[in-house]
PDB file of N, CA and C in Angstrom:
ATOM      1  N   MET A   1      77.399  56.995 150.695  1.00  0.00           N
ATOM      2  CA  MET A   1      78.591  57.344 151.427  1.00  0.00           C
ATOM      3  C   MET A   1      79.263  58.569 150.817  1.00  0.00           C
ATOM      4  N   LEU A   2      79.129  58.717 149.521  1.00  0.00           N
ATOM      5  CA  LEU A   2      79.754  59.849 148.843  1.00  0.00           C
ATOM      6  C   LEU A   2      79.257  61.169 149.414  1.00  0.00           C
ATOM      7  N   VAL A   3      77.999  61.242 149.780  1.00  0.00           N
ATOM      8  CA  VAL A   3      77.428  62.477 150.326  1.00  0.00           C
ATOM      9  C   VAL A   3      78.163  62.874 151.609  1.00  0.00           C
ATOM     10  N   LEU A   4      78.488  61.907 152.439  1.00  0.00           N
ATOM     11  CA  LEU A   4      79.223  62.186 153.669  1.00  0.00           C
ATOM     12  C   LEU A   4      80.566  62.818 153.353  1.00  0.00           C
ATOM     13  N   TYR A   5      81.299  62.238 152.423  1.00  0.00           N
ATOM     14  CA  TYR A   5      82.615  62.771 152.071  1.00  0.00           C
ATOM     15  C   TYR A   5      82.504  64.176 151.482  1.00  0.00           C
ATOM     16  N   LEU A   6      81.534  64.381 150.612  1.00  0.00           N
ATOM     17  CA  LEU A   6      81.377  65.686 149.978  1.00  0.00           C
ATOM     18  C   LEU A   6      80.986  66.757 150.986  1.00  0.00           C
ATOM     19  N   SER A   7      80.281  66.369 152.030  1.00  0.00           N
ATOM     20  CA  SER A   7      79.915  67.343 153.058  1.00  0.00           C
ATOM     21  C   SER A   7      81.129  67.842 153.833  1.00  0.00           C
ATOM     22  N   LEU A   8      82.225  67.114 153.775  1.00  0.00           N
ATOM     23  CA  LEU A   8      83.445  67.505 154.467  1.00  0.00           C
ATOM     24  C   LEU A   8      84.336  68.413 153.621  1.00  0.00           C
ATOM     25  N   LEU A   9      83.951  68.643 152.376  1.00  0.00           N
ATOM     26  CA  LEU A   9      84.766  69.421 151.451  1.00  0.00           C
ATOM     27  C   LEU A   9      84.076  70.707 151.050  1.00  0.00           C
ATOM     28  N   ASP A  10      84.869  71.633 150.510  1.00  0.00           N
ATOM     29  CA  ASP A  10      84.259  72.841 149.958  1.00  0.00           C
ATOM     30  C   ASP A  10      83.992  72.625 148.471  1.00  0.00           C
ATOM     31  N   GLY A  11      83.330  73.548 147.842  1.00  0.00           N
ATOM     32  CA  GLY A  11      82.870  73.390 146.466  1.00  0.00           C
ATOM     33  C   GLY A  11      83.945  73.065 145.463  1.00  0.00           C
ATOM     34  N   GLU A  12      85.103  73.679 145.603  1.00  0.00           N
ATOM     35  CA  GLU A  12      86.178  73.481 144.626  1.00  0.00           C
ATOM     36  C   GLU A  12      86.697  72.050 144.623  1.00  0.00           C
ATOM     37  N   ASP A  13      86.828  71.458 145.803  1.00  0.00           N
ATOM     38  CA  ASP A  13      87.391  70.116 145.917  1.00  0.00           C
ATOM     39  C   ASP A  13      86.373  69.002 145.694  1.00  0.00           C
ATOM     40  N   GLU A  14      85.107  69.327 145.726  1.00  0.00           N
ATOM     41  CA  GLU A  14      84.075  68.293 145.587  1.00  0.00           C
ATOM     42  C   GLU A  14      84.170  67.556 144.257  1.00  0.00           C
ATOM     43  N   GLY A  15      84.346  68.286 143.179  1.00  0.00           N
ATOM     44  CA  GLY A  15      84.433  67.658 141.866  1.00  0.00           C
ATOM     45  C   GLY A  15      85.641  66.755 141.737  1.00  0.00           C
ATOM     46  N   LYS A  16      86.777  67.205 142.242  1.00  0.00           N
ATOM     47  CA  LYS A  16      88.001  66.399 142.204  1.00  0.00           C
ATOM     48  C   LYS A  16      87.811  65.117 143.004  1.00  0.00           C
ATOM     49  N   PHE A  17      87.254  65.286 144.204  1.00  0.00           N
ATOM     50  CA  PHE A  17      87.063  64.128 145.067  1.00  0.00           C
ATOM     51  C   PHE A  17      86.094  63.140 144.439  1.00  0.00           C
ATOM     52  N   GLU A  18      85.012  63.632 143.872  1.00  0.00           N
ATOM     53  CA  GLU A  18      84.016  62.755 143.267  1.00  0.00           C
ATOM     54  C   GLU A  18      84.625  61.928 142.131  1.00  0.00           C
ATOM     55  N   ARG A  19      85.456  62.558 141.318  1.00  0.00           N
ATOM     56  CA  ARG A  19      86.123  61.820 140.238  1.00  0.00           C
ATOM     57  C   ARG A  19      87.043  60.739 140.800  1.00  0.00           C
ATOM     58  N   LEU A  20      87.815  61.076 141.835  1.00  0.00           N
ATOM     59  CA  LEU A  20      88.689  60.082 142.459  1.00  0.00           C
ATOM     60  C   LEU A  20      87.881  58.940 143.069  1.00  0.00           C
ATOM     61  N   TYR A  21      86.776  59.276 143.727  1.00  0.00           N
ATOM     62  CA  TYR A  21      85.943  58.273 144.377  1.00  0.00           C
ATOM     63  C   TYR A  21      85.409  57.265 143.362  1.00  0.00           C
ATOM     64  N   TYR A  22      84.813  57.756 142.287  1.00  0.00           N
ATOM     65  CA  TYR A  22      84.230  56.846 141.299  1.00  0.00           C
ATOM     66  C   TYR A  22      85.283  56.072 140.519  1.00  0.00           C
ATOM     67  N   LYS A  23      86.447  56.651 140.360  1.00  0.00           N
ATOM     68  CA  LYS A  23      87.499  55.971 139.605  1.00  0.00           C
ATOM     69  C   LYS A  23      88.149  54.847 140.414  1.00  0.00           C
ATOM     70  N   TYR A  24      88.332  55.044 141.735  1.00  0.00           N
ATOM     71  CA  TYR A  24      89.152  54.119 142.523  1.00  0.00           C
ATOM     72  C   TYR A  24      88.417  53.302 143.583  1.00  0.00           C
ATOM     73  N   ARG A  25      87.147  53.570 143.842  1.00  0.00           N
ATOM     74  CA  ARG A  25      86.488  52.881 144.955  1.00  0.00           C
ATOM     75  C   ARG A  25      86.462  51.366 144.780  1.00  0.00           C
ATOM     76  N   ARG A  26      86.140  50.893 143.603  1.00  0.00           N
ATOM     77  CA  ARG A  26      86.084  49.432 143.389  1.00  0.00           C
ATOM     78  C   ARG A  26      87.469  48.797 143.464  1.00  0.00           C
ATOM     79  N   LEU A  27      88.449  49.451 142.869  1.00  0.00           N
ATOM     80  CA  LEU A  27      89.821  48.934 142.921  1.00  0.00           C
ATOM     81  C   LEU A  27      90.325  48.888 144.362  1.00  0.00           C
ATOM     82  N   MET A  28      90.069  49.943 145.107  1.00  0.00           N
ATOM     83  CA  MET A  28      90.491  49.983 146.513  1.00  0.00           C
ATOM     84  C   MET A  28      89.813  48.874 147.317  1.00  0.00           C
ATOM     85  N   PHE A  29      88.525  48.683 147.082  1.00  0.00           N
ATOM     86  CA  PHE A  29      87.809  47.630 147.809  1.00  0.00           C
ATOM     87  C   PHE A  29      88.360  46.252 147.446  1.00  0.00           C
ATOM     88  N   THR A  30      88.601  46.016 146.176  1.00  0.00           N
ATOM     89  CA  THR A  30      89.127  44.726 145.734  1.00  0.00           C
ATOM     90  C   THR A  30      90.490  44.442 146.357  1.00  0.00           C
ATOM     91  N   CYS A  31      91.360  45.427 146.347  1.00  0.00           N
ATOM     92  CA  CYS A  31      92.693  45.257 146.951  1.00  0.00           C
ATOM     93  C   CYS A  31      92.587  45.022 148.452  1.00  0.00           C
ATOM     94  N   ALA A  32      91.756  45.809 149.116  1.00  0.00           N
ATOM     95  CA  ALA A  32      91.598  45.651 150.561  1.00  0.00           C
ATOM     96  C   ALA A  32      91.004  44.286 150.908  1.00  0.00           C
ATOM     97  N   LYS A  33      90.049  43.835 150.122  1.00  0.00           N
ATOM     98  CA  LYS A  33      89.435  42.529 150.380  1.00  0.00           C
ATOM     99  C   LYS A  33      90.447  41.403 150.190  1.00  0.00           C
ATOM    100  N   GLU A  34      91.285  41.542 149.187  1.00  0.00           N
ATOM    101  CA  GLU A  34      92.313  40.530 148.939  1.00  0.00           C
ATOM    102  C   GLU A  34      93.300  40.445 150.103  1.00  0.00           C
ATOM    103  N   ILE A  35      93.632  41.585 150.664  1.00  0.00           N
ATOM    104  CA  ILE A  35      94.583  41.624 151.770  1.00  0.00           C
ATOM    105  C   ILE A  35      93.923  41.187 153.079  1.00  0.00           C
ATOM    106  N   LEU A  36      92.742  41.714 153.347  1.00  0.00           N
ATOM    107  CA  LEU A  36      92.092  41.490 154.639  1.00  0.00           C
ATOM    108  C   LEU A  36      91.221  40.241 154.696  1.00  0.00           C
ATOM    109  N   LYS A  37      90.822  39.734 153.538  1.00  0.00           N
ATOM    110  CA  LYS A  37      90.002  38.514 153.448  1.00  0.00           C
ATOM    111  C   LYS A  37      88.648  38.639 154.150  1.00  0.00           C
ATOM    112  N   ASP A  38      88.109  39.865 154.184  1.00  0.00           N
ATOM    113  CA  ASP A  38      86.836  40.095 154.858  1.00  0.00           C
ATOM    114  C   ASP A  38      86.183  41.328 154.245  1.00  0.00           C
ATOM    115  N   ASP A  39      84.925  41.187 153.826  1.00  0.00           N
ATOM    116  CA  ASP A  39      84.228  42.305 153.175  1.00  0.00           C
ATOM    117  C   ASP A  39      84.063  43.515 154.088  1.00  0.00           C
ATOM    118  N   VAL A  40      83.658  43.263 155.323  1.00  0.00           N
ATOM    119  CA  VAL A  40      83.398  44.374 156.244  1.00  0.00           C
ATOM    120  C   VAL A  40      84.686  45.123 156.563  1.00  0.00           C
ATOM    121  N   LEU A  41      85.749  44.392 156.816  1.00  0.00           N
ATOM    122  CA  LEU A  41      87.027  45.047 157.096  1.00  0.00           C
ATOM    123  C   LEU A  41      87.528  45.816 155.873  1.00  0.00           C
ATOM    124  N   ALA A  42      87.299  45.273 154.696  1.00  0.00           N
ATOM    125  CA  ALA A  42      87.708  45.951 153.471  1.00  0.00           C
ATOM    126  C   ALA A  42      86.920  47.248 153.280  1.00  0.00           C
ATOM    127  N   GLU A  43      85.623  47.195 153.540  1.00  0.00           N
ATOM    128  CA  GLU A  43      84.805  48.409 153.445  1.00  0.00           C
ATOM    129  C   GLU A  43      85.277  49.460 154.434  1.00  0.00           C
ATOM    130  N   ASP A  44      85.593  49.040 155.644  1.00  0.00           N
ATOM    131  CA  ASP A  44      86.089  49.980 156.654  1.00  0.00           C
ATOM    132  C   ASP A  44      87.418  50.607 156.231  1.00  0.00           C
ATOM    133  N   ALA A  45      88.292  49.815 155.664  1.00  0.00           N
ATOM    134  CA  ALA A  45      89.588  50.322 155.227  1.00  0.00           C
ATOM    135  C   ALA A  45      89.428  51.355 154.114  1.00  0.00           C
ATOM    136  N   VAL A  46      88.562  51.078 153.174  1.00  0.00           N
ATOM    137  CA  VAL A  46      88.321  52.020 152.074  1.00  0.00           C
ATOM    138  C   VAL A  46      87.675  53.296 152.606  1.00  0.00           C
ATOM    139  N   HIS A  47      86.739  53.143 153.509  1.00  0.00           N
ATOM    140  CA  HIS A  47      86.086  54.303 154.120  1.00  0.00           C
ATOM    141  C   HIS A  47      87.120  55.184 154.829  1.00  0.00           C
ATOM    142  N   GLU A  48      87.983  54.578 155.621  1.00  0.00           N
ATOM    143  CA  GLU A  48      89.022  55.334 156.326  1.00  0.00           C
ATOM    144  C   GLU A  48      89.954  56.041 155.347  1.00  0.00           C
ATOM    145  N   ALA A  49      90.290  55.374 154.266  1.00  0.00           N
ATOM    146  CA  ALA A  49      91.169  55.987 153.263  1.00  0.00           C
ATOM    147  C   ALA A  49      90.516  57.217 152.639  1.00  0.00           C
ATOM    148  N   PHE A  50      89.241  57.123 152.319  1.00  0.00           N
ATOM    149  CA  PHE A  50      88.559  58.270 151.730  1.00  0.00           C
ATOM    150  C   PHE A  50      88.375  59.401 152.748  1.00  0.00           C
ATOM    151  N   LEU A  51      88.136  59.063 154.009  1.00  0.00           N
ATOM    152  CA  LEU A  51      88.056  60.103 155.030  1.00  0.00           C
ATOM    153  C   LEU A  51      89.381  60.852 155.159  1.00  0.00           C
ATOM    154  N   ARG A  52      90.465  60.118 155.147  1.00  0.00           N
ATOM    155  CA  ARG A  52      91.781  60.766 155.217  1.00  0.00           C
ATOM    156  C   ARG A  52      92.034  61.628 153.986  1.00  0.00           C
ATOM    157  N   LEU A  53      91.580  61.152 152.864  1.00  0.00           N
ATOM    158  CA  LEU A  53      91.762  61.929 151.634  1.00  0.00           C
ATOM    159  C   LEU A  53      91.036  63.266 151.711  1.00  0.00           C
ATOM    160  N   THR A  54      89.868  63.306 152.343  1.00  0.00           N
ATOM    161  CA  THR A  54      89.149  64.575 152.465  1.00  0.00           C
ATOM    162  C   THR A  54      89.959  65.581 153.269  1.00  0.00           C
ATOM    163  N   LYS A  55      90.687  65.111 154.260  1.00  0.00           N
ATOM    164  CA  LYS A  55      91.523  66.010 155.073  1.00  0.00           C
ATOM    165  C   LYS A  55      92.660  66.590 154.243  1.00  0.00           C
ATOM    166  N   TYR A  56      93.273  65.764 153.393  1.00  0.00           N
ATOM    167  CA  TYR A  56      94.403  66.232 152.599  1.00  0.00           C
ATOM    168  C   TYR A  56      93.996  67.082 151.417  1.00  0.00           C
ATOM    169  N   MET A  57      92.782  66.922 150.956  1.00  0.00           N
ATOM    170  CA  MET A  57      92.325  67.732 149.815  1.00  0.00           C
ATOM    171  C   MET A  57      92.144  69.186 150.223  1.00  0.00           C
ATOM    172  N   LYS A  58      91.945  69.436 151.497  1.00  0.00           N
ATOM    173  CA  LYS A  58      91.776  70.810 151.972  1.00  0.00           C
ATOM    174  C   LYS A  58      93.091  71.578 151.949  1.00  0.00           C
ATOM    175  N   LYS A  59      94.205  70.871 151.917  1.00  0.00           N
ATOM    176  CA  LYS A  59      95.520  71.529 151.945  1.00  0.00           C
ATOM    177  C   LYS A  59      95.981  71.942 150.587  1.00  0.00           C
TER     178      LYS A  59
END
């Protein structure tokens, strides 16, 4: 999935995004799963959050 996110970014932001992704992906999934009580919904929520983050990193 990381490859998809990195393809949406330019070279400068890729390193920043990759560090954020590896640092927070498990924590985000755990929190989302606790709230949503469903693995698939939690994965979707984390995916959407990272997609939105790619949009804001361009600014």
